[in-house]
Protein backbone atom coordinates (compact mmCIF):
# COMPACT_ATOMS: atom_id res chain seq x y z
CA MET A 1 51.90 106.04 -14.33
CA VAL A 2 50.87 106.86 -17.17
CA MET A 3 50.17 104.86 -20.56
CA LEU A 4 52.77 105.06 -23.24
CA GLY A 5 50.17 103.01 -26.08
CA VAL A 6 48.70 100.06 -27.03
CA ILE A 7 50.31 96.66 -28.14
CA THR A 8 49.18 96.15 -31.37
CA ASP A 9 50.92 93.49 -33.26
CA LYS A 10 53.38 90.98 -32.45
CA ARG A 11 56.20 91.82 -34.71
CA GLY A 12 59.34 89.00 -35.75
CA PHE A 13 59.95 85.77 -33.41
CA ASN A 14 61.30 85.98 -29.61
CA GLY A 15 58.25 87.88 -28.22
CA GLU A 16 58.90 91.65 -30.13
CA MET A 17 55.68 93.55 -30.01
CA SER A 18 54.19 96.66 -32.18
CA VAL A 19 52.83 99.50 -29.63
CA SER A 20 50.86 102.20 -31.79
CA ASN A 21 48.62 105.39 -30.44
CA LEU A 22 52.09 106.81 -28.10
CA ILE A 23 51.07 109.52 -26.07
CA ALA A 24 54.28 111.73 -27.37
CA GLU A 25 55.81 110.88 -31.17
CA ARG A 26 59.65 109.16 -30.61
CA ILE A 27 59.53 108.58 -27.13
CA GLU A 28 62.16 107.11 -25.11
CA VAL A 29 62.20 104.24 -22.58
CA PRO A 30 65.18 102.60 -21.56
CA ALA A 31 65.14 99.17 -20.77
CA ASP A 32 65.56 97.11 -17.50
CA ILE A 33 62.53 99.26 -16.31
CA ASP A 34 59.44 97.78 -14.42
CA VAL A 35 56.03 98.30 -16.92
CA SER A 36 52.53 97.39 -16.07
CA VAL A 37 50.69 96.04 -19.12
CA GLY A 38 46.55 95.64 -18.23
CA TYR A 39 43.40 96.96 -20.03
CA SER A 40 43.73 99.58 -16.92
CA GLU A 41 46.72 100.40 -14.81
CA ARG A 42 44.65 98.88 -12.09
CA PHE A 43 44.17 95.49 -14.00
CA SER A 44 47.53 94.68 -15.07
CA HIS A 45 50.49 93.00 -14.23
CA LYS A 46 54.52 93.92 -13.85
CA TYR A 47 56.24 93.11 -16.01
CA LYS A 48 60.55 93.52 -16.46
CA LEU A 49 61.30 95.99 -20.28
CA VAL A 50 64.06 94.36 -22.49
CA TYR A 51 64.25 96.79 -25.06
CA TRP A 52 62.51 99.84 -26.59
CA LYS A 53 62.95 100.64 -29.87
CA SER A 54 60.95 104.18 -30.46
CA GLY A 55 60.09 104.66 -34.56
CA LYS A 56 58.18 108.13 -35.35
CA ARG A 57 53.98 107.12 -34.35
CA SER A 58 54.67 103.40 -33.08
CA ALA A 59 57.44 101.48 -31.13
CA LYS A 60 58.95 98.05 -30.19
CA LEU A 61 58.93 96.18 -27.79
CA ARG A 62 59.73 93.31 -25.35
CA LEU A 63 59.46 91.81 -22.28
CA GLU A 64 61.44 89.62 -20.15
CA GLY A 65 59.75 86.33 -19.88
CA ILE A 66 57.24 86.91 -22.80
CA THR A 67 58.94 84.58 -25.94
CA SER A 68 56.08 82.79 -27.46
CA ASP A 69 53.20 83.99 -30.04
CA GLU A 70 50.74 82.34 -27.43
CA ARG A 71 51.86 85.02 -25.25
CA THR A 72 52.39 87.77 -26.93
CA LYS A 73 48.66 87.55 -28.26
CA ALA A 74 47.38 87.66 -24.98
CA LEU A 75 48.69 90.70 -24.30
CA MET A 76 46.94 92.26 -27.41
CA GLU A 77 45.30 95.19 -27.40
CA MET A 78 46.10 96.14 -23.74
CA GLY A 79 47.99 99.30 -22.39
CA VAL A 80 51.83 99.74 -21.06
CA PHE A 81 52.20 101.90 -18.54
CA VAL A 82 55.26 103.28 -16.73
CA GLU A 83 55.65 105.94 -13.85
CA GLU A 84 55.47 109.46 -14.93
CA ASP A 85 58.72 110.45 -13.16
CA MET A 86 61.09 108.03 -15.13
CA LEU A 87 59.05 108.89 -18.49
CA LYS A 88 60.06 112.66 -17.90
CA LYS A 89 63.41 111.84 -16.77
CA SER A 90 64.08 109.75 -20.10
CA ASN A 91 62.00 112.65 -22.16
CA PRO A 92 62.28 116.02 -20.41
CA GLU A 93 62.18 118.00 -23.05
CA THR A 94 58.84 115.93 -24.37
CA THR A 95 55.33 116.85 -23.78
CA PHE A 96 52.86 114.25 -23.42
CA SER A 97 49.38 114.33 -25.07
CA HIS A 98 47.62 114.04 -21.51
CA GLU A 99 49.74 116.77 -20.24
CA ILE A 100 47.96 119.16 -23.07
CA VAL A 101 44.05 118.14 -21.91
CA GLY A 102 42.73 120.66 -19.50
CA LEU A 103 45.47 123.86 -20.76
CA MET A 104 43.71 126.77 -21.99
CA ALA A 105 43.92 127.80 -26.03
CA ILE A 106 45.07 131.25 -27.06
CA ASP A 107 44.54 132.73 -30.71
CA ASN A 108 48.50 133.36 -30.80
CA SER A 109 47.81 136.74 -32.95
CA THR A 110 45.33 137.96 -30.83
CA LYS A 111 46.09 136.42 -27.47
CA ASN A 112 42.71 135.49 -26.81
CA GLU A 113 41.39 132.62 -24.69
CA ILE A 114 39.23 130.47 -27.55
CA GLY A 115 38.95 127.66 -24.54
CA LEU A 116 39.64 124.86 -22.49
CA VAL A 117 42.09 121.87 -24.41
CA ALA A 118 38.92 119.02 -23.95
CA ASP A 119 40.35 115.74 -25.53
CA LEU A 120 43.84 114.97 -27.75
CA ILE A 121 42.24 112.00 -29.91
CA MET A 122 44.76 109.65 -31.74
CA LEU A 123 44.49 109.01 -35.55
CA PRO A 124 46.66 108.08 -37.82
CA ALA A 125 47.20 110.44 -39.96
CA ASN A 126 47.28 113.17 -37.54
CA ASP A 127 46.48 113.68 -33.48
CA VAL A 128 43.17 115.90 -33.52
CA ILE A 129 42.93 118.89 -30.47
CA VAL A 130 38.82 119.31 -29.38
CA ILE A 131 38.62 122.67 -28.03
CA ASP A 132 35.42 122.98 -25.55
CA THR A 133 34.74 127.02 -26.27
CA GLY A 134 31.92 127.34 -24.10
CA LEU A 135 28.74 126.75 -26.27
CA THR A 136 30.79 125.11 -29.21
CA ILE A 137 33.68 122.33 -30.04
CA LEU A 138 36.64 123.37 -32.08
CA SER A 139 38.64 120.35 -32.84
CA LEU A 140 41.91 121.07 -34.96
CA PRO A 141 44.59 119.28 -36.01
CA PHE A 142 47.43 118.93 -33.77
CA VAL A 143 49.90 119.83 -36.40
CA GLU A 144 53.41 121.68 -36.23
CA GLU A 145 52.18 124.32 -38.04
CA PHE A 146 48.84 125.04 -35.52
CA ILE A 147 50.69 125.45 -32.45
CA ALA A 148 53.15 128.15 -31.64
CA ASP A 149 53.59 127.17 -28.23
CA ILE A 150 53.15 124.72 -25.27
CA ASP A 151 53.87 126.50 -21.97
CA LEU A 152 52.72 123.87 -18.92
CA ASN A 153 53.78 125.97 -16.50
CA ALA A 154 51.30 129.24 -17.21
CA GLY A 155 48.32 126.26 -18.33
CA LYS A 156 48.43 127.72 -21.88
CA LEU A 157 48.58 126.44 -25.66
CA PHE A 158 49.29 129.31 -28.08
CA LEU A 159 47.48 128.28 -31.43
CA ASN A 160 48.30 129.18 -34.55
CA LEU A 161 44.96 129.38 -36.32
CA PRO A 162 43.85 128.73 -40.07
CA ASP A 163 41.86 130.80 -41.62
CA GLY A 164 38.06 130.20 -41.51
CA VAL A 165 38.98 128.10 -38.19
CA GLU A 166 35.26 129.27 -37.74
CA GLU A 167 33.69 126.62 -39.70
CA LEU A 168 35.16 124.25 -37.94
CA GLU A 169 33.00 124.41 -34.83
CA GLU A 170 30.28 122.24 -33.69
CA PRO A 171 27.14 123.25 -31.44
CA LYS A 172 27.68 121.35 -28.22
CA THR A 173 24.82 118.92 -28.03
CA GLY A 174 23.57 118.37 -24.12
CA ALA A 175 23.94 122.35 -23.86
CA GLY A 176 20.70 123.82 -24.29
CA ASN A 177 21.18 124.45 -28.00
CA ASP A 178 18.84 121.81 -29.05
CA SER A 179 15.63 122.63 -29.37
CA ILE A 180 12.12 120.42 -29.91
CA ASP A 181 9.92 121.38 -32.42
């Protein structure tokens, strides 16, 4: 199972809720499927999805049996989980955030390896990709202008690096780089 996002607000009446921190923009999820809601996949409860309305960076959902303010408030800050194969079937051309972590980041202009994608952090303004270069950590906005190609089969993420990218690198802590005076 993968987490679609986090329930962050109740919307309107009859149990409609907002889901933020989506694993992809404008993700489509069919109605009448089983989803799990909880703080983790292991500690969750199954619900039938009544509907899902996707927006650019958030979505609205309704779950069968959740119709009161009290029930919706009880689900706030919980994750919404779904079977990955069903999600891929509904979104065949979508690359999900969890698929990016572990890819080899490549400089698209030189074809040189930069390092491994260590994390993808979802922030309100834009997502940030974190690349472990071995000695440093490079954090870049994960926006369309920097992404040349994603090849999941080859395990590579090709990036159009901005000028001055080396100024964005930070030393890794705990990698023997800290000295005690």
